[in-house]
């Protein structure tokens, strides 16, 4: 993969969430407490791409991380579109 292709790849939501949390100087446990979750495992799962936060949590995360809600929404949208594109491409290739 060329450098241009790497630069044009969508930064996953998981990476964006981790970077945003770290810039805010917060631990996963602190974020979990602010979201009223009993464990930081939810945050860890989001940051590892195992699962994605619900939209309600995304709006709260924007406030916690002090970033515009629109910015985080754009990342969610781009990540979702990239996943759909990958899935459809794979299905198209496999179609007979």
Foldseek 3Di string as FASTA:
>chain_A
DDPVVVVPDQDALLCVLVVLCVVLVHDLQVLCVQVVHPDSVVNVCSNVVVDHDDLVSLCVSCVSSVHDSVVSVVSVVSNVVVVVVVVVVVVVVVDD
